[in-house]
Amino acid sequence: MIDLYSWSAPNGHKVHILVEELGIPYRIIPINITAGTQHEPAYRAINPNGKIPAIVDRAPRDGGPPHTVFETGAIMVYLAEKERRFLPEEMRQRSEVLQWLFWQVGGLGPMMGQAQHFFRYASEQVPYGIARYQKETRRLLQVMDERLTHQEYLGSTYSIADMACFPWVRIHRLTGVTLDDFPHVQAWYSRIRARPALDRALDLLRNQWVDVSQSGEAKRNLFQRG
């Protein structure tokens, strides 16, 4: 059994997709980041970085005590390795998937997150910030589009790299960037969205979602507390 501490947000959705694709038993535990739950000591004991998601594996493969994992890339690698799915074992294919997973973790997610922040959430308009992160978002989407020109997925087959990128591409409108210039990304998005696991994953905690742009409390808990 996996305890999944998460919320309805792109980084949460990455792991939601994976556990649904794997079909493994899990229990979702809401961490309401708009109410500041991520800052509470009980959660910081699980994730010292105070972000979502995190997991506690109650039945690790080594048979030892429960094992805690935080950071989405680490969680996805851990679960894919444990279940031996969605992360190829062949060296070169595995390397490709990990490259694109880390590309998302270090690039696509943070840059789109900043683009969304300055475009939608910032208390005052900062034209330089908006332009800077929208431009970088477009550059990264172009990199992705070129990768997908002659293949259906970021690796040789559908993998944790695709699952990691999907929730961020999904929110492109919230960054002020369209997909009009990225036809291969659009086709990739449609292929993944059609998978049965996606509806189940995106529905997790959907009824608790809060529009941060309309909530001063949510903004304080997300952007002003450390």
Protein backbone atom coordinates (compact mmCIF):
# COMPACT_ATOMS: atom_id res chain seq x y z
CA MET A 1 0.00 0.00 0.00
CA ILE A 2 1.23 3.46 -0.93
CA ASP A 3 0.23 6.51 1.10
CA LEU A 4 0.13 9.33 -1.43
CA TYR A 5 0.22 12.84 0.05
CA SER A 6 -0.90 15.16 -2.70
CA TRP A 7 -3.14 17.89 -4.08
CA SER A 8 -4.85 18.74 -7.35
CA ALA A 9 -1.94 20.53 -9.03
CA PRO A 10 0.46 19.64 -11.86
CA ASN A 11 3.14 18.09 -9.64
CA GLY A 12 0.49 16.07 -7.84
CA HIS A 13 -1.06 14.98 -11.12
CA LYS A 14 2.26 13.54 -12.28
CA VAL A 15 2.19 10.90 -9.55
CA HIS A 16 -1.61 10.52 -9.73
CA ILE A 17 -1.18 9.43 -13.34
CA LEU A 18 1.56 6.97 -12.50
CA VAL A 19 -0.27 5.19 -9.68
CA GLU A 20 -3.38 4.90 -11.84
CA GLU A 21 -1.39 3.59 -14.78
CA LEU A 22 0.34 1.06 -12.52
CA GLY A 23 -2.94 -0.01 -10.94
CA ILE A 24 -1.29 -0.40 -7.55
CA PRO A 25 -3.13 -0.02 -4.23
CA TYR A 26 -2.77 3.44 -2.75
CA ARG A 27 -4.46 5.75 -0.29
CA ILE A 28 -4.58 9.43 -1.18
CA ILE A 29 -4.11 11.87 1.69
CA PRO A 30 -4.97 15.47 0.77
CA ILE A 31 -2.35 18.10 1.53
CA ASN A 32 -4.24 21.34 0.98
CA ILE A 33 -1.48 23.62 -0.21
CA THR A 34 -3.95 26.51 -0.53
CA ALA A 35 -4.70 26.25 3.22
CA GLY A 36 -1.06 25.85 4.25
CA THR A 37 -1.16 22.17 5.22
CA GLN A 38 2.22 21.66 3.53
CA HIS A 39 3.83 23.83 6.21
CA GLU A 40 2.58 21.79 9.17
CA PRO A 41 5.23 19.87 11.16
CA ALA A 42 3.53 16.51 10.62
CA TYR A 43 3.84 16.87 6.85
CA ARG A 44 7.30 18.42 6.98
CA ALA A 45 8.40 15.27 8.78
CA ILE A 46 7.43 13.37 5.62
CA ASN A 47 8.59 15.97 3.11
CA PRO A 48 11.19 18.35 4.56
CA ASN A 49 10.82 20.56 1.48
CA GLY A 50 7.18 21.26 2.32
CA LYS A 51 5.86 20.66 -1.19
CA ILE A 52 3.56 18.10 -2.78
CA PRO A 53 3.57 15.23 -3.47
CA ALA A 54 5.28 12.67 -1.23
CA ILE A 55 4.72 8.97 -0.70
CA VAL A 56 5.17 6.45 2.07
CA ASP A 57 5.55 2.91 0.74
CA ARG A 58 4.13 0.59 3.40
CA ALA A 59 5.38 -2.50 1.58
CA PRO A 60 8.80 -1.70 0.10
CA ARG A 61 10.41 -4.32 -2.10
CA ASP A 62 13.17 -5.05 0.42
CA GLY A 63 10.60 -6.05 3.02
CA GLY A 64 11.90 -3.49 5.51
CA PRO A 65 10.10 -0.69 7.33
CA PRO A 66 7.97 1.88 5.43
CA HIS A 67 10.00 3.98 3.01
CA THR A 68 9.35 7.68 2.38
CA VAL A 69 10.07 9.41 -0.93
CA PHE A 70 9.63 13.10 -1.81
CA GLU A 71 10.28 15.05 -5.06
CA THR A 72 8.27 13.96 -8.08
CA GLY A 73 11.18 12.70 -10.17
CA ALA A 74 12.41 10.52 -7.33
CA ILE A 75 8.90 9.22 -6.62
CA MET A 76 8.31 8.30 -10.25
CA VAL A 77 11.63 6.51 -10.62
CA TYR A 78 11.09 4.69 -7.33
CA LEU A 79 7.62 3.41 -8.25
CA ALA A 80 8.55 2.57 -11.84
CA GLU A 81 11.58 0.60 -10.66
CA LYS A 82 9.59 -1.16 -7.97
CA GLU A 83 6.87 -2.24 -10.40
CA ARG A 84 9.25 -2.66 -13.36
CA ARG A 85 7.00 -0.66 -15.66
CA PHE A 86 7.22 2.61 -17.57
CA LEU A 87 11.02 2.82 -17.16
CA PRO A 88 12.90 0.61 -19.61
CA GLU A 89 15.58 -1.73 -18.32
CA GLU A 90 17.68 -1.56 -21.50
CA MET A 91 20.47 0.96 -20.84
CA ARG A 92 20.01 3.37 -23.74
CA GLN A 93 16.22 3.44 -23.60
CA ARG A 94 16.34 3.94 -19.84
CA SER A 95 18.81 6.79 -20.25
CA GLU A 96 16.53 8.51 -22.77
CA VAL A 97 13.55 8.35 -20.43
CA LEU A 98 15.57 9.68 -17.50
CA GLN A 99 16.92 12.54 -19.60
CA TRP A 100 13.43 13.69 -20.50
CA LEU A 101 12.15 13.16 -16.97
CA PHE A 102 14.93 15.37 -15.59
CA TRP A 103 14.32 17.85 -18.42
CA GLN A 104 10.78 18.22 -17.13
CA VAL A 105 11.81 18.42 -13.47
CA GLY A 106 14.55 20.98 -14.09
CA GLY A 107 13.06 22.91 -17.00
CA LEU A 108 9.51 22.53 -18.23
CA GLY A 109 7.85 22.44 -14.80
CA PRO A 110 9.74 25.32 -13.16
CA MET A 111 9.58 27.57 -16.22
CA MET A 112 5.88 26.99 -16.82
CA GLY A 113 5.28 27.43 -13.10
CA GLN A 114 6.97 30.82 -13.18
CA ALA A 115 5.14 31.79 -16.38
CA GLN A 116 1.84 30.92 -14.72
CA HIS A 117 2.79 32.85 -11.59
CA PHE A 118 3.68 36.10 -13.34
CA PHE A 119 0.85 35.81 -15.88
CA ARG A 120 -1.93 34.83 -13.47
CA TYR A 121 -1.06 35.12 -9.80
CA ALA A 122 1.35 38.00 -9.25
CA SER A 123 -0.14 40.86 -7.24
CA GLU A 124 1.22 43.33 -9.78
CA GLN A 125 2.01 43.04 -13.45
CA VAL A 126 5.72 42.55 -14.12
CA PRO A 127 6.09 42.70 -17.93
CA TYR A 128 9.71 41.53 -17.86
CA GLY A 129 8.81 38.48 -15.75
CA ILE A 130 5.86 37.57 -17.97
CA ALA A 131 7.88 37.91 -21.17
CA ARG A 132 10.91 36.09 -19.76
CA TYR A 133 9.06 32.97 -18.66
CA GLN A 134 6.62 32.84 -21.56
CA LYS A 135 9.56 32.98 -23.95
CA GLU A 136 11.31 30.14 -22.11
CA THR A 137 8.08 28.12 -22.05
CA ARG A 138 7.79 28.46 -25.82
CA ARG A 139 11.43 27.47 -26.27
CA LEU A 140 10.94 24.33 -24.19
CA LEU A 141 7.75 23.41 -26.03
CA GLN A 142 9.69 23.78 -29.28
CA VAL A 143 12.35 21.40 -27.97
CA MET A 144 9.59 18.95 -27.09
CA ASP A 145 7.89 19.40 -30.45
CA GLU A 146 11.10 18.60 -32.29
CA ARG A 147 11.61 15.49 -30.19
CA LEU A 148 8.12 14.28 -31.09
CA THR A 149 8.46 14.93 -34.82
CA HIS A 150 9.28 11.30 -35.63
CA GLN A 151 8.09 9.43 -32.55
CA GLU A 152 4.94 9.13 -30.50
CA TYR A 153 6.49 9.50 -27.05
CA LEU A 154 9.48 11.18 -25.44
CA GLY A 155 11.18 7.80 -25.02
CA SER A 156 10.86 4.78 -27.27
CA THR A 157 7.57 3.89 -25.52
CA TYR A 158 5.11 5.59 -23.18
CA SER A 159 6.93 6.22 -19.93
CA ILE A 160 7.23 8.23 -16.74
CA ALA A 161 8.76 11.04 -18.82
CA ASP A 162 5.47 11.50 -20.69
CA MET A 163 3.48 11.28 -17.46
CA ALA A 164 5.67 13.96 -15.90
CA CYS A 165 5.33 16.38 -18.80
CA PHE A 166 1.62 15.94 -19.44
CA PRO A 167 0.20 17.89 -16.43
CA TRP A 168 2.37 20.90 -17.20
CA VAL A 169 1.51 20.96 -20.90
CA ARG A 170 -2.11 20.63 -19.78
CA ILE A 171 -2.03 24.06 -18.07
CA HIS A 172 -0.44 25.93 -20.98
CA ARG A 173 -3.37 28.36 -21.21
CA LEU A 174 -2.73 29.46 -17.62
CA THR A 175 0.72 30.61 -18.70
CA GLY A 176 -0.60 32.69 -21.58
CA VAL A 177 1.09 30.40 -24.11
CA THR A 178 -0.79 28.46 -26.80
CA LEU A 179 0.10 25.17 -28.47
CA ASP A 180 -0.73 26.48 -31.93
CA ASP A 181 2.90 26.38 -33.06
CA PHE A 182 3.57 22.92 -31.66
CA PRO A 183 1.53 20.38 -33.66
CA HIS A 184 3.53 17.36 -32.53
CA VAL A 185 3.05 18.31 -28.88
CA GLN A 186 -0.69 18.63 -29.56
CA ALA A 187 -0.83 15.16 -31.12
CA TRP A 188 1.19 13.71 -28.22
CA TYR A 189 -1.14 15.38 -25.72
CA SER A 190 -4.20 13.88 -27.41
CA ARG A 191 -2.70 10.38 -27.38
CA ILE A 192 -1.99 10.54 -23.67
CA ARG A 193 -5.27 12.22 -22.73
CA ALA A 194 -7.15 9.36 -24.38
CA ARG A 195 -5.65 6.78 -22.01
CA PRO A 196 -8.23 5.45 -19.51
CA ALA A 197 -6.01 6.14 -16.49
CA LEU A 198 -5.99 9.86 -17.20
CA ASP A 199 -9.62 10.49 -16.25
CA ARG A 200 -9.14 8.68 -12.98
CA ALA A 201 -5.90 10.50 -12.21
CA LEU A 202 -7.17 13.98 -13.00
CA ASP A 203 -10.35 13.39 -10.99
CA LEU A 204 -8.39 12.76 -7.79
CA LEU A 205 -9.10 15.64 -5.37
CA ARG A 206 -10.72 17.62 -8.19
CA ASN A 207 -13.67 18.49 -5.93
CA GLN A 208 -11.29 20.21 -3.50
CA TRP A 209 -9.56 22.37 -6.09
CA VAL A 210 -9.22 26.08 -5.27
CA ASP A 211 -8.77 28.86 -7.84
CA VAL A 212 -5.64 30.48 -6.41
CA SER A 213 -6.13 33.61 -8.51
CA GLN A 214 -9.33 34.34 -6.56
CA SER A 215 -8.07 33.58 -3.05
CA GLY A 216 -5.84 35.85 -1.00
CA GLU A 217 -5.38 33.12 1.60
CA ALA A 218 -4.24 30.64 -1.03
CA LYS A 219 -1.73 33.14 -2.42
CA ARG A 220 -0.30 33.77 1.03
CA ASN A 221 0.04 30.08 1.78
CA LEU A 222 1.62 29.29 -1.59
CA PHE A 223 3.82 32.29 -2.23
CA GLN A 224 4.49 34.15 1.03
CA ARG A 225 5.16 31.43 3.59
CA GLY A 226 8.42 29.57 3.91
